[in-house]
C-alpha atoms as a PDB file:
ATOM      1  CA  PRO A   1      18.137  69.846-281.368  1.00  0.00           C
ATOM      2  CA  ILE A   2      18.378  73.183-283.410  1.00  0.00           C
ATOM      3  CA  THR A   3      18.805  73.545-287.044  1.00  0.00           C
ATOM      4  CA  GLU A   4      21.975  75.176-288.456  1.00  0.00           C
ATOM      5  CA  GLU A   5      19.958  78.100-289.352  1.00  0.00           C
ATOM      6  CA  GLU A   6      18.842  78.607-285.882  1.00  0.00           C
ATOM      7  CA  HIS A   7      22.545  78.069-284.715  1.00  0.00           C
ATOM      8  CA  ARG A   8      23.565  80.963-287.060  1.00  0.00           C
ATOM      9  CA  GLU A   9      20.861  83.319-285.633  1.00  0.00           C
ATOM     10  CA  LEU A  10      21.802  82.454-282.225  1.00  0.00           C
ATOM     11  CA  ARG A  11      25.550  83.115-282.872  1.00  0.00           C
ATOM     12  CA  THR A  12      24.616  86.410-284.746  1.00  0.00           C
ATOM     13  CA  LEU A  13      22.176  87.443-281.683  1.00  0.00           C
ATOM     14  CA  ALA A  14      25.048  86.761-279.306  1.00  0.00           C
ATOM     15  CA  SER A  15      27.575  88.551-281.273  1.00  0.00           C
ATOM     16  CA  THR A  16      25.342  91.679-281.584  1.00  0.00           C
ATOM     17  CA  THR A  17      24.795  91.469-277.815  1.00  0.00           C
ATOM     18  CA  ILE A  18      28.438  91.253-276.807  1.00  0.00           C
ATOM     19  CA  GLU A  19      29.305  94.240-279.185  1.00  0.00           C
ATOM     20  CA  ARG A  20      26.404  96.326-277.712  1.00  0.00           C
ATOM     21  CA  GLU A  21      27.581  95.327-274.166  1.00  0.00           C
ATOM     22  CA  ARG A  22      31.301  96.528-275.149  1.00  0.00           C
ATOM     23  CA  GLU A  23      30.006  99.787-276.824  1.00  0.00           C
ATOM     24  CA  ARG A  24      27.989 100.412-273.404  1.00  0.00           C
ATOM     25  CA  GLU A  25      31.180  99.833-271.588  1.00  0.00           C
ATOM     26  CA  ARG A  26      33.122 102.269-273.804  1.00  0.00           C
ATOM     27  CA  GLU A  27      30.589 105.000-273.369  1.00  0.00           C
ATOM     28  CA  ARG A  28      30.806 104.509-269.441  1.00  0.00           C
ATOM     29  CA  GLU A  29      34.282 104.898-269.755  1.00  0.00           C
ATOM     30  CA  ARG A  30      34.101 108.035-271.897  1.00  0.00           C
ATOM     31  CA  GLU A  31      31.740 109.374-269.361  1.00  0.00           C
ATOM     32  CA  ARG A  32      33.996 108.648-266.439  1.00  0.00           C
ATOM     33  CA  GLU A  33      36.821 110.554-268.300  1.00  0.00           C
ATOM     34  CA  ARG A  34      34.561 113.348-268.763  1.00  0.00           C
ATOM     35  CA  GLU A  35      33.659 113.326-264.929  1.00  0.00           C
ATOM     36  CA  ARG A  36      37.622 113.155-264.333  1.00  0.00           C
ATOM     37  CA  GLU A  37      38.177 116.060-266.437  1.00  0.00           C
ATOM     38  CA  ARG A  38      35.443 118.082-264.948  1.00  0.00           C
ATOM     39  CA  GLU A  39      37.034 117.402-261.359  1.00  0.00           C
ATOM     40  CA  ARG A  40      40.483 118.385-262.715  1.00  0.00           C
ATOM     41  CA  GLU A  41      38.983 121.741-264.134  1.00  0.00           C
ATOM     42  CA  ARG A  42      37.146 122.391-260.799  1.00  0.00           C
ATOM     43  CA  GLY A  43      40.494 121.838-258.779  1.00  0.00           C
ATOM     44  CA  GLU A  44      42.387 123.913-261.238  1.00  0.00           C
ATOM     45  CA  ARG A  45      39.688 126.890-260.888  1.00  0.00           C
ATOM     46  CA  GLU A  46      39.553 126.442-257.013  1.00  0.00           C
ATOM     47  CA  ARG A  47      43.386 126.591-256.865  1.00  0.00           C
ATOM     48  CA  GLU A  48      43.512 129.820-259.045  1.00  0.00           C
ATOM     49  CA  ARG A  49      40.660 131.456-257.024  1.00  0.00           C
ATOM     50  CA  GLU A  50      42.941 130.722-253.781  1.00  0.00           C
ATOM     51  CA  ARG A  51      46.064 132.123-255.395  1.00  0.00           C
ATOM     52  CA  GLU A  52      44.059 135.041-256.458  1.00  0.00           C
ATOM     53  CA  ARG A  53      42.769 135.515-252.619  1.00  0.00           C
ATOM     54  CA  GLU A  54      46.407 135.094-251.483  1.00  0.00           C
ATOM     55  CA  ARG A  55      47.578 137.990-253.801  1.00  0.00           C
ATOM     56  CA  GLU A  56      44.771 140.251-252.605  1.00  0.00           C
ATOM     57  CA  ARG A  57      45.820 139.649-248.985  1.00  0.00           C
ATOM     58  CA  GLU A  58      49.415 140.058-249.921  1.00  0.00           C
ATOM     59  CA  ARG A  59      48.259 143.543-251.565  1.00  0.00           C
ATOM     60  CA  GLU A  60      46.265 144.347-248.343  1.00  0.00           C
ATOM     61  CA  ARG A  61      49.292 143.769-246.146  1.00  0.00           C
ATOM     62  CA  GLU A  62      51.737 145.885-248.615  1.00  0.00           C
ATOM     63  CA  THR A  63      49.269 148.531-248.265  1.00  0.00           C
ATOM     64  CA  PHE A  64      48.947 148.432-244.751  1.00  0.00           C
ATOM     65  CA  ILE A  65      52.626 148.438-244.114  1.00  0.00           C
ATOM     66  CA  TYR A  66      52.969 151.363-246.808  1.00  0.00           C
ATOM     67  CA  PHE A  67      50.379 153.299-244.778  1.00  0.00           C
ATOM     68  CA  SER A  68      51.852 152.596-241.272  1.00  0.00           C
END
């Protein structure tokens, strides 16, 4: 059998271990959220580049029609 003091120490250790694991999980979730945000930003930049390319093509079409 273990003493009451050893039992308290084990409970404290278990509690500390559980809290550390929860904090690691929170950090992993924050990192996943940061990655999702980076992906959203990359997608937005790519859509903006595509819109700019489309505007450029439209200007070229208008110029071609004007000089035809």
